Amino acid sequence: MKIAFLGGGNMANALIGGLLARGFDARAISVIEVNPAARERLAAHRVRVSTAPDAATGGADVLVLAVKPQDMRRALASLGGAMGGKLVISIAAGVRIASLSRWLGGHRKIVRCMPNTPALIAAGITGLYAPPGVTPEERGRAEQVLAAAGEVVWLSDERLIDVVTAVSGNGPAYVFWFMEQLAAFAERSGIGAPEAQRLALHTVLGAAKLAAGSAEPPSMLRRNVTSKGGTTEAALKAFDAEQLAERLARALEAAVRRGGELGDELGKD
């Protein structure tokens, strides 16, 4: 399989690095990137880098769209419409398959996906959607590319990409915010800033590792550490009294709505 990347930013770098770490041949990867600094970073991977589509782009089996969403239409125009039988994988947030297909002259072999930033350390998770015209073999190719950056989850409907964006795409920011609040409270209570940061970081890191290594769901893990009449129960009761679960759900719904709005905006001709 030969892979061409349109765009060589952070996420493309993460995917390329992950593929190479899994034994993928660097000679089978090419990247189109106009930014000199990005091209310099890509040079470390020893993959082919160009500033415009070339023979390597034309000969690729898979084209990964990794440019900014607002630049997508202009970037696709540079391809000249010669897609052949390529599988197109888009990691551009908000850009729908219908828009990509239209801009690619009706091309339909498209997989849309939403990775998240832990992909930069091969610890990400990506939601993928493929329309019926994409074959099982092509789905396998898409999974091979995205699995280089972490876990993958297939979706049954493209609209669920907006839900994935709200949950896991944006999720690291929510976790970072929670870590901020834990550390801030510790500092206000008299713990030094470095120690507060360590407490917050390793609490989240340890809890995630514990959950990842357990067969029990998070709800059971929570109950396991909540003693009746204890301090954990007191905090959780305060969460319930403040309706934090309902507030979080409303925040996620707002993110889903905004995802739909972005799809409408980015898909305009």
C-alpha atoms as a PDB file:
ATOM      1  CA  MET A   1       0.000   0.000   0.000  1.00  0.00           C
ATOM      2  CA  LYS A   2       1.286   3.452  -0.974  1.00  0.00           C
ATOM      3  CA  ILE A   3       0.042   6.430   1.048  1.00  0.00           C
ATOM      4  CA  ALA A   4       0.050  10.120   0.147  1.00  0.00           C
ATOM      5  CA  PHE A   5      -0.679  12.825   2.710  1.00  0.00           C
ATOM      6  CA  LEU A   6      -2.144  16.154   1.664  1.00  0.00           C
ATOM      7  CA  GLY A   7      -0.827  18.261   4.522  1.00  0.00           C
ATOM      8  CA  GLY A   8       2.031  17.482   6.878  1.00  0.00           C
ATOM      9  CA  GLY A   9       1.036  19.027  10.207  1.00  0.00           C
ATOM     10  CA  ASN A  10       0.989  17.504  13.680  1.00  0.00           C
ATOM     11  CA  MET A  11      -1.617  14.829  13.046  1.00  0.00           C
ATOM     12  CA  ALA A  12      -0.014  13.732   9.773  1.00  0.00           C
ATOM     13  CA  ASN A  13       3.320  13.525  11.597  1.00  0.00           C
ATOM     14  CA  ALA A  14       1.710  11.397  14.299  1.00  0.00           C
ATOM     15  CA  LEU A  15       0.198   8.990  11.758  1.00  0.00           C
ATOM     16  CA  ILE A  16       3.420   8.746   9.744  1.00  0.00           C
ATOM     17  CA  GLY A  17       5.481   8.154  12.870  1.00  0.00           C
ATOM     18  CA  GLY A  18       3.048   5.482  14.018  1.00  0.00           C
ATOM     19  CA  LEU A  19       3.088   3.721  10.655  1.00  0.00           C
ATOM     20  CA  LEU A  20       6.887   3.699  10.542  1.00  0.00           C
ATOM     21  CA  ALA A  21       7.043   2.399  14.116  1.00  0.00           C
ATOM     22  CA  ARG A  22       4.877  -0.520  12.977  1.00  0.00           C
ATOM     23  CA  GLY A  23       7.291  -1.357  10.181  1.00  0.00           C
ATOM     24  CA  PHE A  24       5.672   0.497   7.290  1.00  0.00           C
ATOM     25  CA  ASP A  25       8.149   1.321   4.490  1.00  0.00           C
ATOM     26  CA  ALA A  26       9.023   5.044   4.462  1.00  0.00           C
ATOM     27  CA  ARG A  27       9.504   4.824   0.691  1.00  0.00           C
ATOM     28  CA  ALA A  28       5.780   4.093   0.334  1.00  0.00           C
ATOM     29  CA  ILE A  29       4.788   7.390   1.984  1.00  0.00           C
ATOM     30  CA  SER A  30       4.710  10.799   0.329  1.00  0.00           C
ATOM     31  CA  VAL A  31       3.585  14.143   1.707  1.00  0.00           C
ATOM     32  CA  ILE A  32       2.470  17.366   0.059  1.00  0.00           C
ATOM     33  CA  GLU A  33       3.333  20.270   2.361  1.00  0.00           C
ATOM     34  CA  VAL A  34       4.000  23.917   1.475  1.00  0.00           C
ATOM     35  CA  ASN A  35       5.197  25.103   4.883  1.00  0.00           C
ATOM     36  CA  PRO A  36       9.036  24.981   5.136  1.00  0.00           C
ATOM     37  CA  ALA A  37       9.062  24.315   8.896  1.00  0.00           C
ATOM     38  CA  ALA A  38       6.615  21.431   8.505  1.00  0.00           C
ATOM     39  CA  ARG A  39       8.687  19.994   5.653  1.00  0.00           C
ATOM     40  CA  GLU A  40      11.773  20.120   7.868  1.00  0.00           C
ATOM     41  CA  ARG A  41       9.986  18.124  10.586  1.00  0.00           C
ATOM     42  CA  LEU A  42       8.836  15.575   8.028  1.00  0.00           C
ATOM     43  CA  ALA A  43      12.405  15.090   6.814  1.00  0.00           C
ATOM     44  CA  ALA A  44      13.156  13.212  10.042  1.00  0.00           C
ATOM     45  CA  HIS A  45      10.826  10.442   8.852  1.00  0.00           C
ATOM     46  CA  ARG A  46      12.763  10.041   5.569  1.00  0.00           C
ATOM     47  CA  VAL A  47       9.533  10.077   3.551  1.00  0.00           C
ATOM     48  CA  ARG A  48       9.128  11.817   0.206  1.00  0.00           C
ATOM     49  CA  VAL A  49       8.053  15.459   0.652  1.00  0.00           C
ATOM     50  CA  SER A  50       6.939  17.821  -2.117  1.00  0.00           C
ATOM     51  CA  THR A  51       5.226  21.181  -2.340  1.00  0.00           C
ATOM     52  CA  ALA A  52       2.691  20.062  -4.967  1.00  0.00           C
ATOM     53  CA  PRO A  53       1.081  16.838  -6.207  1.00  0.00           C
ATOM     54  CA  ASP A  54       3.560  14.730  -8.175  1.00  0.00           C
ATOM     55  CA  ALA A  55       4.036  11.190  -9.493  1.00  0.00           C
ATOM     56  CA  ALA A  56       4.109   9.787  -5.948  1.00  0.00           C
ATOM     57  CA  THR A  57       0.733  11.382  -5.258  1.00  0.00           C
ATOM     58  CA  GLY A  58      -0.685   9.959  -8.459  1.00  0.00           C
ATOM     59  CA  GLY A  59       0.628   6.488  -7.693  1.00  0.00           C
ATOM     60  CA  ALA A  60      -0.716   6.331  -4.138  1.00  0.00           C
ATOM     61  CA  ASP A  61      -3.424   3.856  -3.191  1.00  0.00           C
ATOM     62  CA  VAL A  62      -4.553   5.971  -0.229  1.00  0.00           C
ATOM     63  CA  LEU A  63      -4.783   9.750   0.062  1.00  0.00           C
ATOM     64  CA  VAL A  64      -4.999  11.161   3.593  1.00  0.00           C
ATOM     65  CA  LEU A  65      -6.502  14.656   3.768  1.00  0.00           C
ATOM     66  CA  ALA A  66      -4.719  16.373   6.642  1.00  0.00           C
ATOM     67  CA  VAL A  67      -5.028  20.077   5.840  1.00  0.00           C
ATOM     68  CA  LYS A  68      -6.993  22.591   7.883  1.00  0.00           C
ATOM     69  CA  PRO A  69     -10.760  22.350   7.271  1.00  0.00           C
ATOM     70  CA  GLN A  70     -11.008  25.923   6.000  1.00  0.00           C
ATOM     71  CA  ASP A  71      -8.233  25.210   3.463  1.00  0.00           C
ATOM     72  CA  MET A  72      -9.637  21.908   2.247  1.00  0.00           C
ATOM     73  CA  ARG A  73     -11.505  23.004  -0.872  1.00  0.00           C
ATOM     74  CA  ARG A  74      -8.559  24.999  -2.201  1.00  0.00           C
ATOM     75  CA  ALA A  75      -6.139  22.180  -1.397  1.00  0.00           C
ATOM     76  CA  LEU A  76      -8.251  19.597  -3.204  1.00  0.00           C
ATOM     77  CA  ALA A  77      -8.358  21.803  -6.280  1.00  0.00           C
ATOM     78  CA  SER A  78      -4.571  21.353  -6.558  1.00  0.00           C
ATOM     79  CA  LEU A  79      -5.070  17.622  -7.157  1.00  0.00           C
ATOM     80  CA  GLY A  80      -6.580  18.275 -10.553  1.00  0.00           C
ATOM     81  CA  GLY A  81      -9.422  15.792 -10.112  1.00  0.00           C
ATOM     82  CA  ALA A  82      -7.318  12.725 -11.027  1.00  0.00           C
ATOM     83  CA  MET A  83      -8.341  10.459  -8.157  1.00  0.00           C
ATOM     84  CA  GLY A  84      -8.585   7.139  -9.993  1.00  0.00           C
ATOM     85  CA  GLY A  85      -9.464   4.360  -7.551  1.00  0.00           C
ATOM     86  CA  LYS A  86      -7.807   5.958  -4.533  1.00  0.00           C
ATOM     87  CA  LEU A  87      -9.222   5.577  -1.072  1.00  0.00           C
ATOM     88  CA  VAL A  88      -9.529   9.036   0.486  1.00  0.00           C
ATOM     89  CA  ILE A  89      -9.275   9.355   4.271  1.00  0.00           C
ATOM     90  CA  SER A  90     -10.203  12.723   5.750  1.00  0.00           C
ATOM     91  CA  ILE A  91      -9.119  13.751   9.243  1.00  0.00           C
ATOM     92  CA  ALA A  92     -10.408  17.306   8.734  1.00  0.00           C
ATOM     93  CA  ALA A  93     -12.893  18.274  11.439  1.00  0.00           C
ATOM     94  CA  GLY A  94     -16.338  19.339  10.261  1.00  0.00           C
ATOM     95  CA  VAL A  95     -15.955  18.656   6.533  1.00  0.00           C
ATOM     96  CA  ARG A  96     -18.636  16.203   5.440  1.00  0.00           C
ATOM     97  CA  ILE A  97     -18.244  13.400   2.925  1.00  0.00           C
ATOM     98  CA  ALA A  98     -20.791  14.993   0.573  1.00  0.00           C
ATOM     99  CA  SER A  99     -18.688  18.166   0.393  1.00  0.00           C
ATOM    100  CA  LEU A 100     -15.456  16.238  -0.136  1.00  0.00           C
ATOM    101  CA  SER A 101     -17.062  14.145  -2.855  1.00  0.00           C
ATOM    102  CA  ARG A 102     -18.359  17.242  -4.627  1.00  0.00           C
ATOM    103  CA  TRP A 103     -14.975  18.965  -4.486  1.00  0.00           C
ATOM    104  CA  LEU A 104     -13.324  15.782  -5.793  1.00  0.00           C
ATOM    105  CA  GLY A 105     -15.560  15.606  -8.843  1.00  0.00           C
ATOM    106  CA  GLY A 106     -17.939  12.969  -7.488  1.00  0.00           C
ATOM    107  CA  HIS A 107     -15.332  10.631  -5.985  1.00  0.00           C
ATOM    108  CA  ARG A 108     -17.045   8.312  -3.498  1.00  0.00           C
ATOM    109  CA  LYS A 109     -14.285   6.188  -1.963  1.00  0.00           C
ATOM    110  CA  ILE A 110     -14.068   8.377   1.138  1.00  0.00           C
ATOM    111  CA  VAL A 111     -13.657   7.563   4.829  1.00  0.00           C
ATOM    112  CA  ARG A 112     -14.209  10.355   7.312  1.00  0.00           C
ATOM    113  CA  CYS A 113     -12.654  10.194  10.740  1.00  0.00           C
ATOM    114  CA  MET A 114     -12.111  12.176  13.933  1.00  0.00           C
ATOM    115  CA  PRO A 115      -8.867  11.475  15.824  1.00  0.00           C
ATOM    116  CA  ASN A 116      -7.794  13.270  18.997  1.00  0.00           C
ATOM    117  CA  THR A 117      -4.573  14.857  20.187  1.00  0.00           C
ATOM    118  CA  PRO A 118      -3.235  11.888  22.230  1.00  0.00           C
ATOM    119  CA  ALA A 119      -2.584  10.452  18.759  1.00  0.00           C
ATOM    120  CA  LEU A 120       0.597  12.543  18.955  1.00  0.00           C
ATOM    121  CA  ILE A 121       1.956   9.956  21.416  1.00  0.00           C
ATOM    122  CA  ALA A 122       0.217   6.948  19.798  1.00  0.00           C
ATOM    123  CA  ALA A 123      -2.392   6.953  22.568  1.00  0.00           C
ATOM    124  CA  GLY A 124      -5.316   8.422  20.651  1.00  0.00           C
ATOM    125  CA  ILE A 125      -8.698   7.101  19.660  1.00  0.00           C
ATOM    126  CA  THR A 126     -10.373   7.746  16.327  1.00  0.00           C
ATOM    127  CA  GLY A 127     -13.988   7.455  15.251  1.00  0.00           C
ATOM    128  CA  LEU A 128     -14.367   6.418  11.597  1.00  0.00           C
ATOM    129  CA  TYR A 129     -17.301   6.360   9.190  1.00  0.00           C
ATOM    130  CA  ALA A 130     -17.372   4.871   5.708  1.00  0.00           C
ATOM    131  CA  PRO A 131     -20.364   5.060   3.330  1.00  0.00           C
ATOM    132  CA  PRO A 132     -21.646   1.844   1.724  1.00  0.00           C
ATOM    133  CA  GLY A 133     -19.494   2.296  -1.408  1.00  0.00           C
ATOM    134  CA  VAL A 134     -16.304   1.703   0.578  1.00  0.00           C
ATOM    135  CA  THR A 135     -15.352  -1.983   0.492  1.00  0.00           C
ATOM    136  CA  PRO A 136     -14.325  -4.074   3.514  1.00  0.00           C
ATOM    137  CA  GLU A 137     -10.767  -4.146   2.152  1.00  0.00           C
ATOM    138  CA  GLU A 138     -10.727  -0.340   1.936  1.00  0.00           C
ATOM    139  CA  ARG A 139     -12.112  -0.079   5.456  1.00  0.00           C
ATOM    140  CA  GLY A 140      -9.234  -2.283   6.519  1.00  0.00           C
ATOM    141  CA  ARG A 141      -6.755   0.078   4.877  1.00  0.00           C
ATOM    142  CA  ALA A 142      -8.283   3.060   6.645  1.00  0.00           C
ATOM    143  CA  GLU A 143      -8.131   1.229   9.951  1.00  0.00           C
ATOM    144  CA  GLN A 144      -4.487   0.335   9.377  1.00  0.00           C
ATOM    145  CA  VAL A 145      -3.600   4.009   8.867  1.00  0.00           C
ATOM    146  CA  LEU A 146      -5.548   5.365  11.849  1.00  0.00           C
ATOM    147  CA  ALA A 147      -4.646   2.519  14.206  1.00  0.00           C
ATOM    148  CA  ALA A 148      -1.048   3.716  13.903  1.00  0.00           C
ATOM    149  CA  ALA A 149      -2.053   6.513  16.292  1.00  0.00           C
ATOM    150  CA  GLY A 150      -4.099   4.476  18.776  1.00  0.00           C
ATOM    151  CA  GLU A 151      -7.502   2.810  19.038  1.00  0.00           C
ATOM    152  CA  VAL A 152     -10.246   2.984  16.392  1.00  0.00           C
ATOM    153  CA  VAL A 153     -14.046   2.833  16.600  1.00  0.00           C
ATOM    154  CA  TRP A 154     -16.280   2.404  13.537  1.00  0.00           C
ATOM    155  CA  LEU A 155     -19.529   4.378  13.389  1.00  0.00           C
ATOM    156  CA  SER A 156     -22.795   3.412  11.709  1.00  0.00           C
ATOM    157  CA  ASP A 157     -23.821   6.937  10.663  1.00  0.00           C
ATOM    158  CA  GLU A 158     -21.817   9.980   9.593  1.00  0.00           C
ATOM    159  CA  ARG A 159     -23.783  12.273  11.904  1.00  0.00           C
ATOM    160  CA  LEU A 160     -22.205  10.399  14.827  1.00  0.00           C
ATOM    161  CA  ILE A 161     -18.866  11.979  13.898  1.00  0.00           C
ATOM    162  CA  ASP A 162     -20.180  15.139  15.595  1.00  0.00           C
ATOM    163  CA  VAL A 163     -20.842  13.091  18.741  1.00  0.00           C
ATOM    164  CA  VAL A 164     -17.338  11.602  18.603  1.00  0.00           C
ATOM    165  CA  THR A 165     -15.962  15.130  18.217  1.00  0.00           C
ATOM    166  CA  ALA A 166     -17.829  16.233  21.336  1.00  0.00           C
ATOM    167  CA  VAL A 167     -16.812  13.176  23.378  1.00  0.00           C
ATOM    168  CA  SER A 168     -13.295  12.089  22.391  1.00  0.00           C
ATOM    169  CA  GLY A 169     -12.184  14.755  19.925  1.00  0.00           C
ATOM    170  CA  ASN A 170     -12.697  17.504  22.485  1.00  0.00           C
ATOM    171  CA  GLY A 171     -12.380  15.141  25.457  1.00  0.00           C
ATOM    172  CA  PRO A 172      -8.693  15.766  26.222  1.00  0.00           C
ATOM    173  CA  ALA A 173      -9.501  19.458  26.775  1.00  0.00           C
ATOM    174  CA  TYR A 174     -12.181  18.516  29.313  1.00  0.00           C
ATOM    175  CA  VAL A 175      -9.707  16.267  31.137  1.00  0.00           C
ATOM    176  CA  PHE A 176      -7.084  19.022  31.156  1.00  0.00           C
ATOM    177  CA  TRP A 177      -9.700  21.406  32.571  1.00  0.00           C
ATOM    178  CA  PHE A 178     -10.560  18.917  35.333  1.00  0.00           C
ATOM    179  CA  MET A 179      -6.860  18.557  36.139  1.00  0.00           C
ATOM    180  CA  GLU A 180      -6.620  22.352  36.352  1.00  0.00           C
ATOM    181  CA  GLN A 181      -9.471  22.446  38.875  1.00  0.00           C
ATOM    182  CA  LEU A 182      -7.955  19.726  41.060  1.00  0.00           C
ATOM    183  CA  ALA A 183      -4.581  21.464  41.087  1.00  0.00           C
ATOM    184  CA  ALA A 184      -6.107  24.904  41.686  1.00  0.00           C
ATOM    185  CA  PHE A 185      -8.048  23.665  44.711  1.00  0.00           C
ATOM    186  CA  ALA A 186      -4.949  21.987  46.113  1.00  0.00           C
ATOM    187  CA  GLU A 187      -3.013  25.239  45.741  1.00  0.00           C
ATOM    188  CA  ARG A 188      -5.770  27.315  47.358  1.00  0.00           C
ATOM    189  CA  SER A 189      -5.716  24.853  50.243  1.00  0.00           C
ATOM    190  CA  GLY A 190      -2.004  25.392  50.870  1.00  0.00           C
ATOM    191  CA  ILE A 191      -0.215  22.800  48.729  1.00  0.00           C
ATOM    192  CA  GLY A 192       2.651  24.122  46.598  1.00  0.00           C
ATOM    193  CA  ALA A 193       2.071  24.547  42.866  1.00  0.00           C
ATOM    194  CA  PRO A 194       4.487  21.803  41.690  1.00  0.00           C
ATOM    195  CA  GLU A 195       3.046  19.302  44.167  1.00  0.00           C
ATOM    196  CA  ALA A 196      -0.518  20.297  43.259  1.00  0.00           C
ATOM    197  CA  GLN A 197       0.209  19.710  39.578  1.00  0.00           C
ATOM    198  CA  ARG A 198       1.716  16.290  40.338  1.00  0.00           C
ATOM    199  CA  LEU A 199      -1.267  15.301  42.454  1.00  0.00           C
ATOM    200  CA  ALA A 200      -3.719  16.251  39.693  1.00  0.00           C
ATOM    201  CA  LEU A 201      -1.711  14.706  36.876  1.00  0.00           C
ATOM    202  CA  HIS A 202      -1.078  11.359  38.512  1.00  0.00           C
ATOM    203  CA  THR A 203      -4.615  11.098  39.847  1.00  0.00           C
ATOM    204  CA  VAL A 204      -5.994  11.292  36.308  1.00  0.00           C
ATOM    205  CA  LEU A 205      -3.211   9.170  34.836  1.00  0.00           C
ATOM    206  CA  GLY A 206      -3.550   6.478  37.496  1.00  0.00           C
ATOM    207  CA  ALA A 207      -7.343   6.381  37.286  1.00  0.00           C
ATOM    208  CA  ALA A 208      -7.181   6.024  33.502  1.00  0.00           C
ATOM    209  CA  LYS A 209      -4.657   3.192  33.754  1.00  0.00           C
ATOM    210  CA  LEU A 210      -6.772   1.472  36.398  1.00  0.00           C
ATOM    211  CA  ALA A 211      -9.884   1.728  34.221  1.00  0.00           C
ATOM    212  CA  ALA A 212      -8.010   0.549  31.108  1.00  0.00           C
ATOM    213  CA  GLY A 213      -6.762  -2.527  32.936  1.00  0.00           C
ATOM    214  CA  SER A 214     -10.078  -3.456  34.536  1.00  0.00           C
ATOM    215  CA  ALA A 215     -12.943  -5.526  33.149  1.00  0.00           C
ATOM    216  CA  GLU A 216     -15.367  -3.470  35.259  1.00  0.00           C
ATOM    217  CA  PRO A 217     -17.069  -0.329  33.882  1.00  0.00           C
ATOM    218  CA  PRO A 218     -16.193   3.090  35.341  1.00  0.00           C
ATOM    219  CA  SER A 219     -19.486   3.152  37.242  1.00  0.00           C
ATOM    220  CA  MET A 220     -18.455   0.040  39.194  1.00  0.00           C
ATOM    221  CA  LEU A 221     -14.925   1.324  39.770  1.00  0.00           C
ATOM    222  CA  ARG A 222     -16.472   4.483  41.191  1.00  0.00           C
ATOM    223  CA  ARG A 223     -18.701   2.487  43.548  1.00  0.00           C
ATOM    224  CA  ASN A 224     -15.731   0.369  44.612  1.00  0.00           C
ATOM    225  CA  VAL A 225     -13.923   3.432  46.000  1.00  0.00           C
ATOM    226  CA  THR A 226     -16.969   5.137  47.513  1.00  0.00           C
ATOM    227  CA  SER A 227     -17.362   4.167  51.146  1.00  0.00           C
ATOM    228  CA  LYS A 228     -20.740   4.897  52.744  1.00  0.00           C
ATOM    229  CA  GLY A 229     -20.460   8.012  54.838  1.00  0.00           C
ATOM    230  CA  GLY A 230     -16.929   8.723  53.626  1.00  0.00           C
ATOM    231  CA  THR A 231     -15.205  11.640  51.943  1.00  0.00           C
ATOM    232  CA  THR A 232     -15.678  10.370  48.378  1.00  0.00           C
ATOM    233  CA  GLU A 233     -19.413   9.985  48.967  1.00  0.00           C
ATOM    234  CA  ALA A 234     -19.563  13.540  50.319  1.00  0.00           C
ATOM    235  CA  ALA A 235     -17.950  14.925  47.162  1.00  0.00           C
ATOM    236  CA  LEU A 236     -20.117  12.829  44.829  1.00  0.00           C
ATOM    237  CA  LYS A 237     -23.275  13.926  46.649  1.00  0.00           C
ATOM    238  CA  ALA A 238     -22.188  17.533  46.102  1.00  0.00           C
ATOM    239  CA  PHE A 239     -21.728  16.739  42.385  1.00  0.00           C
ATOM    240  CA  ASP A 240     -25.290  15.390  42.292  1.00  0.00           C
ATOM    241  CA  ALA A 241     -26.676  18.379  44.164  1.00  0.00           C
ATOM    242  CA  GLU A 242     -25.025  20.707  41.654  1.00  0.00           C
ATOM    243  CA  GLN A 243     -26.357  18.555  38.766  1.00  0.00           C
ATOM    244  CA  LEU A 244     -22.890  18.248  37.248  1.00  0.00           C
ATOM    245  CA  ALA A 245     -23.914  15.274  35.087  1.00  0.00           C
ATOM    246  CA  GLU A 246     -26.751  17.273  33.539  1.00  0.00           C
ATOM    247  CA  ARG A 247     -24.499  20.289  33.021  1.00  0.00           C
ATOM    248  CA  LEU A 248     -21.861  18.145  31.331  1.00  0.00           C
ATOM    249  CA  ALA A 249     -24.518  16.644  29.060  1.00  0.00           C
ATOM    250  CA  ARG A 250     -25.628  20.142  28.046  1.00  0.00           C
ATOM    251  CA  ALA A 251     -22.020  21.090  27.293  1.00  0.00           C
ATOM    252  CA  LEU A 252     -21.588  18.007  25.094  1.00  0.00           C
ATOM    253  CA  GLU A 253     -24.851  18.787  23.311  1.00  0.00           C
ATOM    254  CA  ALA A 254     -23.548  22.296  22.603  1.00  0.00           C
ATOM    255  CA  ALA A 255     -20.404  20.801  21.083  1.00  0.00           C
ATOM    256  CA  VAL A 256     -22.482  18.453  18.899  1.00  0.00           C
ATOM    257  CA  ARG A 257     -24.628  21.366  17.681  1.00  0.00           C
ATOM    258  CA  ARG A 258     -21.532  23.395  16.864  1.00  0.00           C
ATOM    259  CA  GLY A 259     -20.149  20.452  14.907  1.00  0.00           C
ATOM    260  CA  GLY A 260     -23.266  20.437  12.750  1.00  0.00           C
ATOM    261  CA  GLU A 261     -23.024  24.180  12.224  1.00  0.00           C
ATOM    262  CA  LEU A 262     -19.399  23.879  11.139  1.00  0.00           C
ATOM    263  CA  GLY A 263     -20.358  21.166   8.663  1.00  0.00           C
ATOM    264  CA  ASP A 264     -22.925  23.519   7.144  1.00  0.00           C
ATOM    265  CA  GLU A 265     -20.483  26.435   7.022  1.00  0.00           C
ATOM    266  CA  LEU A 266     -17.517  24.498   5.612  1.00  0.00           C
ATOM    267  CA  GLY A 267     -19.672  22.763   2.994  1.00  0.00           C
ATOM    268  CA  LYS A 268     -20.857  25.961   1.346  1.00  0.00           C
ATOM    269  CA  ASP A 269     -19.773  26.533  -2.257  1.00  0.00           C
END
